[in-house]
Every structure is written in structure tokens, then in C-alpha cells.
Amino acid sequence: MFQRDNKRKVDIRILPLIDVIFFLLVFFMLFTTFRATPAGLDIDLPQAETVTEQEQKQLTINISAQGQIYLEDEELTIAALQSRVANVINEDPEAVIIIEADREVFYDKIVEVMDTVRQVGAHRLALAAEEKVEEQ
């Protein structure tokens, strides 16, 4: 006889959904633009085809394009670098010292750091490079 229309209409509230999607979009845009570099430095490493990963205990020395020396997020002078590396070598004489120098750094600055490190007994040195990617 009488037909009742008790069906509820489906009501999708899209406004809260848009807020969440917008938040996620902004988050991922910001997250992908920040670069995680050691010591907050933007070091442009040279490229090489024979890059190998170091697996032993290591100490990384960063040299910025302006020639500043950093060790564990701290800017150091040559004398301070020498004493810090000496402490590491006293603990582990087989520690590998990795030097990450920007490609714009003058060669004499790299040699100065290498010489300083070798004076305190570190003989396992490595120069960091990025793996060369072939252009197609």
C-alpha cells in the first residue's frame, strides 16, 4: 500500500578528507626537498666507476668547497683535527679515515688533510666518491 522511503542517503563528507590529503601533499613536498648531508654540508663528490663501500670502523672528514674541515658536524682546525684523529687511532689503529671533499676543493687542501692524518699514525685512508651513472 504505502511505500516508505526510509533509505538513508549516503553523505560523503569530503572536506576533512581534502584537509588530510593537502597535509600529506605538503609534508611529502617538504620532505623530498631537504637533503640529508653530513654536517649539513652540500658536498658535491666527484664520480668514479670503481666506488666500493667501506665496512670497517671509519671516521669521515668532510671538506667543504670553501676549504673548511668538518668532523662529526663540528668545524675544526688542522691542529684540532690532528688531536681528534689521534684519539681514534689510539683506540683502533685499523680504523679507516674517509675524506669527503667537494670537487671544488683545491688539491693542496686534500693533501694537507691527508698528511695531517698520516702524521698521527692513520695509514688506512680513503677518498669518497659517488658512483658514476651512465647517461642514456
Protein backbone atom coordinates (compact mmCIF):
# COMPACT_ATOMS: atom_id res chain seq x y z
CA MET A 1 0.00 0.00 0.00
CA PHE A 2 2.15 2.76 1.25
CA GLN A 3 5.77 2.59 0.36
CA ARG A 4 8.14 4.12 2.76
CA ASP A 5 11.36 5.65 1.65
CA ASN A 6 13.48 5.02 4.72
CA LYS A 7 16.71 4.63 2.85
CA ARG A 8 19.35 6.98 4.13
CA LYS A 9 21.21 8.92 1.59
CA VAL A 10 24.91 8.32 1.61
CA ASP A 11 26.59 11.53 2.54
CA ILE A 12 30.33 11.64 1.96
CA ARG A 13 31.95 14.50 3.74
CA ILE A 14 34.90 15.35 1.58
CA LEU A 15 36.11 18.49 3.33
CA PRO A 16 38.04 16.67 6.13
CA LEU A 17 39.45 14.34 3.51
CA ILE A 18 40.76 17.26 1.48
CA ASP A 19 42.49 18.64 4.57
CA VAL A 20 44.27 15.35 5.18
CA ILE A 21 45.31 15.00 1.54
CA PHE A 22 46.59 18.57 1.45
CA PHE A 23 48.60 17.98 4.64
CA LEU A 24 50.17 14.82 3.19
CA LEU A 25 50.99 16.60 -0.05
CA VAL A 26 52.74 19.44 1.75
CA PHE A 27 54.59 17.01 4.03
CA PHE A 28 55.99 14.97 1.15
CA MET A 29 56.88 18.07 -0.86
CA LEU A 30 58.92 19.43 2.04
CA PHE A 31 60.40 16.07 2.97
CA THR A 32 61.76 15.40 -0.52
CA THR A 33 63.31 18.84 -0.92
CA PHE A 34 65.52 18.61 2.18
CA ARG A 35 68.80 16.84 1.60
CA ALA A 36 70.35 14.79 4.34
CA THR A 37 74.05 15.56 4.12
CA PRO A 38 76.68 15.05 6.73
CA ALA A 39 77.30 18.10 8.88
CA GLY A 40 74.65 19.93 6.90
CA LEU A 41 77.18 20.44 4.13
CA ASP A 42 76.30 20.28 0.50
CA ILE A 43 79.35 18.40 -0.73
CA ASP A 44 79.46 17.65 -4.43
CA LEU A 45 81.58 14.50 -4.57
CA PRO A 46 83.40 13.54 -7.74
CA GLN A 47 82.18 10.46 -9.58
CA ALA A 48 84.07 7.22 -10.21
CA GLU A 49 83.15 3.88 -11.73
CA THR A 50 85.03 1.80 -9.14
CA VAL A 51 83.32 3.03 -5.98
CA THR A 52 83.37 0.49 -3.11
CA GLU A 53 81.62 0.58 0.25
CA GLN A 54 83.77 0.59 3.42
CA GLU A 55 82.62 -1.89 6.05
CA GLN A 56 85.13 -1.37 8.85
CA LYS A 57 85.10 1.22 11.61
CA GLN A 58 85.52 4.54 9.94
CA LEU A 59 85.91 8.21 10.61
CA THR A 60 84.64 10.65 7.98
CA ILE A 61 86.31 14.01 7.44
CA ASN A 62 84.35 16.47 5.31
CA ILE A 63 85.98 19.31 3.39
CA SER A 64 83.59 21.95 2.05
CA ALA A 65 84.03 23.83 -1.22
CA GLN A 66 85.45 26.77 0.78
CA GLY A 67 88.11 24.52 2.36
CA GLN A 68 86.55 24.24 5.83
CA ILE A 69 87.20 20.95 7.62
CA TYR A 70 84.38 19.19 9.49
CA LEU A 71 84.42 16.13 11.69
CA GLU A 72 81.13 14.88 13.16
CA ASP A 73 79.20 18.11 12.47
CA GLU A 74 81.94 20.26 14.02
CA GLU A 75 84.25 22.63 12.17
CA LEU A 76 87.88 22.02 13.11
CA THR A 77 91.29 23.48 12.53
CA ILE A 78 94.16 21.31 11.34
CA ALA A 79 95.58 21.07 14.88
CA ALA A 80 92.21 20.07 16.36
CA LEU A 81 91.72 17.53 13.58
CA GLN A 82 95.10 16.03 14.33
CA SER A 83 94.29 15.51 18.02
CA ARG A 84 90.82 14.09 17.32
CA VAL A 85 92.15 11.62 14.75
CA ALA A 86 94.97 10.65 17.15
CA ASN A 87 92.36 9.69 19.76
CA VAL A 88 90.52 7.49 17.26
CA ILE A 89 93.76 5.83 16.08
CA ASN A 90 94.81 5.13 19.68
CA GLU A 91 91.52 3.27 20.20
CA ASP A 92 91.60 1.42 16.87
CA PRO A 93 94.79 1.51 14.77
CA GLU A 94 92.96 -0.18 11.88
CA ALA A 95 90.25 2.50 11.60
CA VAL A 96 89.59 3.72 8.09
CA ILE A 97 89.69 7.51 7.61
CA ILE A 98 87.40 8.61 4.80
CA ILE A 99 87.90 12.04 3.30
CA GLU A 100 84.84 13.51 1.61
CA ALA A 101 86.00 16.57 -0.30
CA ASP A 102 83.88 18.72 -2.57
CA ARG A 103 85.01 18.60 -6.18
CA GLU A 104 85.78 22.33 -6.00
CA VAL A 105 88.35 21.92 -3.19
CA PHE A 106 91.93 22.61 -4.19
CA TYR A 107 94.17 19.57 -4.30
CA ASP A 108 96.65 21.04 -1.80
CA LYS A 109 93.91 21.20 0.89
CA ILE A 110 93.18 17.49 0.45
CA VAL A 111 96.89 16.66 0.63
CA GLU A 112 97.24 18.81 3.77
CA VAL A 113 94.42 16.89 5.49
CA MET A 114 95.85 13.53 4.36
CA ASP A 115 99.31 14.50 5.62
CA THR A 116 97.89 15.62 8.97
CA VAL A 117 96.02 12.35 9.40
CA ARG A 118 99.04 10.25 8.45
CA GLN A 119 101.26 12.10 10.94
CA VAL A 120 99.23 10.68 13.84
CA GLY A 121 99.51 7.10 12.58
CA ALA A 122 96.46 6.67 10.38
CA HIS A 123 97.52 4.75 7.31
CA ARG A 124 94.17 3.47 6.07
CA LEU A 125 92.82 6.40 4.08
CA ALA A 126 90.05 6.52 1.51
CA LEU A 127 88.73 9.29 -0.70
CA ALA A 128 84.95 9.33 -1.05
CA ALA A 129 83.29 9.49 -4.46
CA GLU A 130 79.83 8.97 -5.87
CA GLU A 131 79.14 6.09 -8.18
CA LYS A 132 79.21 7.20 -11.78
CA VAL A 133 75.89 6.81 -13.54
CA GLU A 134 75.88 6.31 -17.26
CA GLU A 135 73.77 8.70 -19.26
CA GLN A 136 71.48 7.10 -21.80
